[in-house]
Amino acid sequence: MESKKANLFVVGAMKAGTTFFTEILSQHPQIYLSPIKEPHYFINSLPKNLYEPSRFFSLENYLANDFPAPLHIAKVEKLDQYQKLFSLASEAHLYRAEASTAYLHAPESAGLIHEYNPNAKIIILLREPLKRAFSHYNMDKGLGRVKMEFETLVKDEIVKYNNGALPWNSYLGMSFYNNAINRYQSFFEDVLVVNFEDLTKNKTGTLNVISKFLNINEFTAANVERTNETKQLRFQKVFYILKQLGLKDYFSKIFSQNFRQRLFRLVSSNTKSELNISEQTQNDLTTIFNNESRG
């Protein structure tokens, strides 16, 4: 299995277009993408606010019965399970890739990836820090994880930041880029930083940069449109209650994925949630991001 080790890691940031980007990568004949987009093998403990699997999900059952059906996220614990994700790659695939978004900020991930494959190439996607944090919040709100207003949460995180107690997996913490980038650059020779805004506004030019970085043929079938944009739900309080009561797991088990997707389309809107925060909070965040972020 040594020849089929993962050697390309898209390490985040979360809500910076990694799903859109990996869909483009998967079209390239020289790149094999893990069926589990985010296996999160190289992180000691994945915080519950980033991933809390359904009580009915079993990774062992997936690998035995459903592999290689696409799966967005999991927490792979064993090396043999992780290696299986790349077992179907062929000799034509110069790269075997995955895109676990928590790797960028989890302090141990860069070192663990380096231990596994010191010759791996790293791609980091960044997004304007406040937009990334707000998109992250909207995703969590849509999933029923939070109901508090964004500014209230952010004010609490600002206090924690000023007291040196802000967790890396917080909304603001995952929009701090400098230290995370420096950590990967200290471990790996080949690190490419790509801005989400460049990828969306100049897709062809950005993909040419990426193909040169990877020394592969140019992308010729990159006709993917963004499919992972956060939707505005019409009944968010109901989803929050269902999540807190643990009923969403039963709902997912009882009803098929096609039915759930149709229902989601019915209760969601393309109307984008507007970011409304006070001038003082905006100024505080500008100061913090100027200190901590590279966008």
Foldseek 3Di string as FASTA:
>chain_A
DLVQDAFEEAADAPQQCPVLVVVLVCPDQQEAEFLAQAQQQQADDDDVLVPDDQPPDDLVCCLVPPPPHRHHYDHDHDPVSVSSSRVPDDPSHPGYYHYHNCLLQRVRRLVSVCVRPLAGAYEYEAEQLVVSLVQSVLQCLQQLNDDDDPQVQLVVQLVCVVVVRRDCPHSNNSSFHDVSVVSNVVRHVHYHYHYSVCCVVPVQVVQVVVCVSVVHDGRDPSPGDDDPGRWAFQPSVVSNVCVVVSNVSVVPVPDDPVVVVVVRVVGTDPDDDDDDDDPVSVVSSVVVCVVGHDD
